[in-house]
Amino acid sequence: MKVSELTFDQVNAAIAYDAETGVFTWKIDSGKSIKAGTPAGAWKSLRIRTTGVEKRYLYITYLGVSMVASRVAWLLHYGVWPDKSVQYIDGDTTNFKISNLKLALFKSGSETKDGRKKHTLSKEASRHYGLKRHYGITLTDFAGMYASQDGKCAICNNPETTMLHGKIRDLSVDHCHDTGKIRGLLCNACNHILGEAKDNVKTLLAAAAYLEKHSAKSEDPGSLAPSTGPADSAQTMERNLVQEV
């Protein structure tokens, strides 16, 4: 069973995580001998084949799903499951402080003809370098912004719905083109609105006033002013021509 089968809400309802200390505790009674407030998880020792070093890893089991604690920490702090493995910056697999966790940048690819493993950039690494190159932020920064906005657009307050390559695309990073300052995450539609308006506040305010003006008229038919459209203009021109003749 994959960890992705548990949602943030499911995990968050049962497990508490302190990002500063890296401690996990149960919010609920998860078993006869496991009460709310007690530490969550069980330790397993694994020996690394390449070095022979034995390290301890914490696993938390809930609703029949065994989850690596580092991934649970990432989920509960940022609100989304990490797409790749979570690494320990100081190498200590018992240190779950959020400041000690980072996403793996590379994944193992297929083998070359001589049997060696070739490494390719993972989707997360590509995203990381794209964010760093264009906006000066990391994937972790993006995840933090996403969590602070509850996964919704900073303008319309709705989640992204636009599809890209068969999947819902990520929220777009919005920044000031003059200063380069990051402003927030926007859905594709709202991001395009700002782009088409060239970030011109007067244009956007004028557009809002225009919509309010016509919205008010449509709600109050009695407030509609006489038409000054093409038909009226044509009638006026016709009367003027008759008078001249």
Protein backbone atom coordinates (compact mmCIF):
# COMPACT_ATOMS: atom_id res chain seq x y z
CA MET A 1 0.00 0.00 0.00
CA LYS A 2 1.44 3.39 -0.97
CA VAL A 3 1.74 6.31 1.43
CA SER A 4 -0.02 8.47 -1.13
CA GLU A 5 -3.20 6.58 -0.27
CA LEU A 6 -3.35 8.52 2.99
CA THR A 7 -4.26 12.18 2.72
CA PHE A 8 -2.84 15.09 4.68
CA ASP A 9 -6.12 15.37 6.60
CA GLN A 10 -6.01 11.72 7.59
CA VAL A 11 -2.44 11.88 8.85
CA ASN A 12 -2.83 15.31 10.45
CA ALA A 13 -5.90 14.15 12.37
CA ALA A 14 -3.93 11.35 14.03
CA ILE A 15 -0.31 12.51 14.31
CA ALA A 16 1.25 15.67 15.73
CA TYR A 17 4.67 16.83 14.55
CA ASP A 18 6.89 19.45 16.19
CA ALA A 19 9.06 20.93 13.44
CA GLU A 20 11.55 22.44 15.91
CA THR A 21 12.21 19.27 17.91
CA GLY A 22 11.34 16.66 15.27
CA VAL A 23 9.12 14.77 17.74
CA PHE A 24 6.02 12.84 16.64
CA THR A 25 3.13 12.15 19.03
CA TRP A 26 -0.27 10.58 18.64
CA LYS A 27 -3.30 12.86 18.71
CA ILE A 28 -5.60 9.89 19.14
CA ASP A 29 -5.65 6.48 20.76
CA SER A 30 -4.32 4.39 17.89
CA GLY A 31 -4.32 1.10 19.76
CA LYS A 32 -4.98 -0.57 23.11
CA SER A 33 -1.51 0.27 24.37
CA ILE A 34 -0.99 3.40 22.27
CA LYS A 35 -2.70 6.40 23.78
CA ALA A 36 -3.00 10.01 22.65
CA GLY A 37 0.05 12.02 23.69
CA THR A 38 2.49 9.11 23.48
CA PRO A 39 5.39 9.08 20.98
CA ALA A 40 4.47 7.83 17.54
CA GLY A 41 6.44 5.30 15.52
CA ALA A 42 8.71 2.30 15.90
CA TRP A 43 12.44 2.11 15.16
CA LYS A 44 13.99 -0.27 12.66
CA SER A 45 17.70 -0.83 12.17
CA LEU A 46 18.97 -1.20 8.62
CA ARG A 47 22.50 -1.93 7.44
CA ILE A 48 23.74 0.01 4.42
CA ARG A 49 25.29 -2.47 1.98
CA THR A 50 27.89 -0.14 0.51
CA THR A 51 29.37 0.93 3.86
CA GLY A 52 28.23 -1.77 6.27
CA VAL A 53 27.08 0.99 8.65
CA GLU A 54 23.88 0.31 10.57
CA LYS A 55 21.40 3.16 10.87
CA ARG A 56 18.08 3.54 12.65
CA TYR A 57 14.92 4.64 10.84
CA LEU A 58 11.58 5.54 12.36
CA TYR A 59 8.40 4.15 10.79
CA ILE A 60 4.89 5.25 11.73
CA THR A 61 2.03 2.87 10.97
CA TYR A 62 -1.51 4.18 10.71
CA LEU A 63 -4.62 2.72 9.06
CA GLY A 64 -2.49 -0.21 7.92
CA VAL A 65 0.04 2.02 6.12
CA SER A 66 3.69 2.01 7.22
CA MET A 67 5.20 5.46 6.61
CA VAL A 68 8.80 6.64 6.84
CA ALA A 69 8.87 9.31 9.53
CA SER A 70 10.90 11.78 7.47
CA ARG A 71 8.19 11.75 4.80
CA VAL A 72 5.49 12.22 7.42
CA ALA A 73 7.41 15.21 8.78
CA TRP A 74 7.51 16.73 5.30
CA LEU A 75 3.79 16.12 4.80
CA LEU A 76 2.72 17.60 8.13
CA HIS A 77 4.95 20.65 7.77
CA TYR A 78 4.40 21.52 4.10
CA GLY A 79 0.97 19.99 3.52
CA VAL A 80 2.02 17.75 0.61
CA TRP A 81 3.72 14.38 0.28
CA PRO A 82 7.29 14.65 -1.04
CA ASP A 83 7.59 13.22 -4.55
CA LYS A 84 11.04 11.76 -3.81
CA SER A 85 12.89 10.52 -0.74
CA VAL A 86 13.65 12.95 2.07
CA GLN A 87 17.31 13.20 3.04
CA TYR A 88 18.96 14.17 6.34
CA ILE A 89 21.26 17.16 5.97
CA ASP A 90 23.50 16.16 8.91
CA GLY A 91 23.33 12.45 8.05
CA ASP A 92 21.58 11.66 11.33
CA THR A 93 18.53 9.50 10.51
CA THR A 94 17.07 10.17 13.98
CA ASN A 95 17.01 13.96 13.55
CA PHE A 96 13.60 14.89 12.17
CA LYS A 97 13.82 18.65 12.70
CA ILE A 98 12.44 20.28 9.57
CA SER A 99 15.65 22.31 9.25
CA ASN A 100 17.53 18.99 8.87
CA LEU A 101 15.36 17.62 6.05
CA LYS A 102 15.68 18.17 2.31
CA LEU A 103 14.42 16.56 -0.87
CA ALA A 104 16.71 14.25 -2.83
CA LEU A 105 17.74 15.94 -6.08
CA PHE A 106 18.75 12.91 -8.11
CA LYS A 107 17.24 9.55 -8.87
CA SER A 108 18.89 6.46 -10.28
CA GLY A 109 18.24 5.94 -13.96
CA SER A 110 18.72 2.89 -16.14
CA GLU A 111 22.03 1.12 -16.45
CA THR A 112 24.57 1.94 -19.15
CA LYS A 113 25.91 -0.76 -21.47
CA ASP A 114 28.86 -1.42 -19.16
CA GLY A 115 26.54 -2.03 -16.21
CA ARG A 116 27.08 1.29 -14.44
CA LYS A 117 24.18 3.28 -13.11
CA LYS A 118 23.53 6.50 -14.93
CA HIS A 119 21.93 9.29 -12.94
CA THR A 120 19.39 11.69 -14.34
CA LEU A 121 17.70 14.72 -12.89
CA SER A 122 14.44 13.80 -11.25
CA LYS A 123 11.28 15.81 -11.84
CA GLU A 124 11.80 17.45 -8.45
CA ALA A 125 15.40 18.34 -9.27
CA SER A 126 14.36 19.91 -12.57
CA ARG A 127 11.66 21.86 -10.76
CA HIS A 128 14.18 22.88 -8.08
CA TYR A 129 16.70 24.20 -10.60
CA GLY A 130 13.97 25.94 -12.60
CA LEU A 131 12.72 27.75 -9.50
CA LYS A 132 16.27 28.64 -8.47
CA ARG A 133 17.23 29.86 -11.91
CA HIS A 134 14.14 31.94 -12.68
CA TYR A 135 13.00 33.10 -9.24
CA GLY A 136 15.88 32.52 -6.83
CA ILE A 137 13.86 30.18 -4.58
CA THR A 138 14.14 26.47 -3.78
CA LEU A 139 11.56 23.72 -4.01
CA THR A 140 11.38 23.88 -0.22
CA ASP A 141 10.58 27.60 -0.41
CA PHE A 142 7.84 26.83 -2.94
CA ALA A 143 6.40 24.11 -0.69
CA GLY A 144 6.34 26.57 2.22
CA MET A 145 4.50 29.18 0.15
CA TYR A 146 2.07 26.53 -1.08
CA ALA A 147 1.30 25.47 2.49
CA SER A 148 0.87 29.06 3.71
CA GLN A 149 -1.67 29.67 0.92
CA ASP A 150 -3.47 26.39 1.67
CA GLY A 151 -2.70 25.27 -1.87
CA LYS A 152 -4.84 28.02 -3.38
CA CYS A 153 -4.31 31.02 -5.65
CA ALA A 154 -3.39 34.23 -3.79
CA ILE A 155 -5.92 36.21 -5.89
CA CYS A 156 -9.03 34.10 -6.52
CA ASN A 157 -8.45 31.76 -3.53
CA ASN A 158 -9.19 28.70 -5.67
CA PRO A 159 -6.95 25.69 -6.36
CA GLU A 160 -5.36 25.27 -9.78
CA THR A 161 -7.54 23.45 -12.32
CA THR A 162 -5.55 23.90 -15.54
CA MET A 163 -4.16 20.64 -16.91
CA LEU A 164 -0.63 20.18 -18.25
CA HIS A 165 0.50 16.87 -19.79
CA GLY A 166 -2.54 15.14 -18.32
CA LYS A 167 -2.00 16.44 -14.79
CA ILE A 168 -3.10 19.52 -12.87
CA ARG A 169 -0.24 21.98 -13.18
CA ASP A 170 1.51 23.61 -10.23
CA LEU A 171 0.55 27.07 -9.07
CA SER A 172 2.63 29.71 -10.84
CA VAL A 173 5.25 31.77 -9.03
CA ASP A 174 4.29 35.43 -9.43
CA HIS A 175 7.02 38.04 -9.19
CA CYS A 176 7.53 41.73 -9.88
CA HIS A 177 9.24 42.10 -13.25
CA ASP A 178 10.87 45.35 -12.16
CA THR A 179 12.35 44.28 -8.82
CA GLY A 180 12.29 40.48 -9.14
CA LYS A 181 10.55 40.23 -5.76
CA ILE A 182 8.36 37.15 -5.29
CA ARG A 183 4.76 38.14 -4.57
CA GLY A 184 2.94 34.83 -4.22
CA LEU A 185 1.56 31.78 -6.02
CA LEU A 186 -1.20 32.22 -8.58
CA CYS A 187 -3.39 29.94 -10.65
CA ASN A 188 -2.77 29.95 -14.39
CA ALA A 189 -5.83 32.13 -15.09
CA CYS A 190 -5.01 34.88 -12.58
CA ASN A 191 -1.36 34.83 -13.60
CA HIS A 192 -2.40 35.43 -17.21
CA ILE A 193 -4.66 38.31 -16.17
CA LEU A 194 -1.70 40.11 -14.60
CA GLY A 195 0.47 39.30 -17.58
CA GLU A 196 -2.02 40.58 -20.15
CA ALA A 197 -2.46 43.77 -18.11
CA LYS A 198 1.34 44.07 -17.89
CA ASP A 199 1.02 44.46 -14.09
CA ASN A 200 -0.55 47.89 -14.69
CA VAL A 201 -2.58 48.71 -11.57
CA LYS A 202 -4.59 51.44 -13.33
CA THR A 203 -5.63 49.01 -16.06
CA LEU A 204 -6.71 46.39 -13.54
CA LEU A 205 -8.61 48.93 -11.43
CA ALA A 206 -10.30 50.28 -14.55
CA ALA A 207 -11.30 46.75 -15.51
CA ALA A 208 -12.74 46.15 -12.02
CA ALA A 209 -14.66 49.46 -12.15
CA TYR A 210 -15.97 48.55 -15.60
CA LEU A 211 -17.28 45.21 -14.38
CA GLU A 212 -18.85 46.76 -11.27
CA LYS A 213 -20.52 49.45 -13.38
CA HIS A 214 -22.09 47.00 -15.79
CA SER A 215 -22.90 44.49 -13.09
CA ALA A 216 -24.89 47.16 -11.20
CA LYS A 217 -26.81 48.10 -14.36
CA SER A 218 -27.72 44.50 -15.11
CA GLU A 219 -29.09 44.11 -11.57
CA ASP A 220 -31.14 47.37 -11.79
CA PRO A 221 -32.84 47.64 -15.21
CA GLY A 222 -34.27 51.05 -14.27
CA SER A 223 -30.76 52.49 -14.02
CA LEU A 224 -29.94 51.73 -17.64
CA ALA A 225 -29.08 54.89 -19.54
CA PRO A 226 -30.44 55.54 -23.06
CA SER A 227 -28.54 53.64 -25.66
CA THR A 228 -25.78 55.48 -27.45
CA GLY A 229 -24.80 52.56 -29.60
CA PRO A 230 -24.28 52.38 -33.36
CA ALA A 231 -28.05 52.33 -34.11
CA ASP A 232 -28.66 55.65 -32.31
CA SER A 233 -25.64 57.20 -33.98
CA ALA A 234 -26.94 56.13 -37.38
CA GLN A 235 -30.38 57.67 -36.66
CA THR A 236 -28.79 60.96 -35.59
CA MET A 237 -26.71 61.07 -38.75
CA GLU A 238 -29.84 60.37 -40.85
CA ARG A 239 -31.76 63.27 -39.20
CA ASN A 240 -28.87 65.64 -39.82
CA LEU A 241 -28.75 64.71 -43.50
CA VAL A 242 -32.53 65.32 -43.87
CA GLN A 243 -32.19 68.76 -42.29
CA GLU A 244 -29.35 69.71 -44.63
CA VAL A 245 -31.45 68.71 -47.67
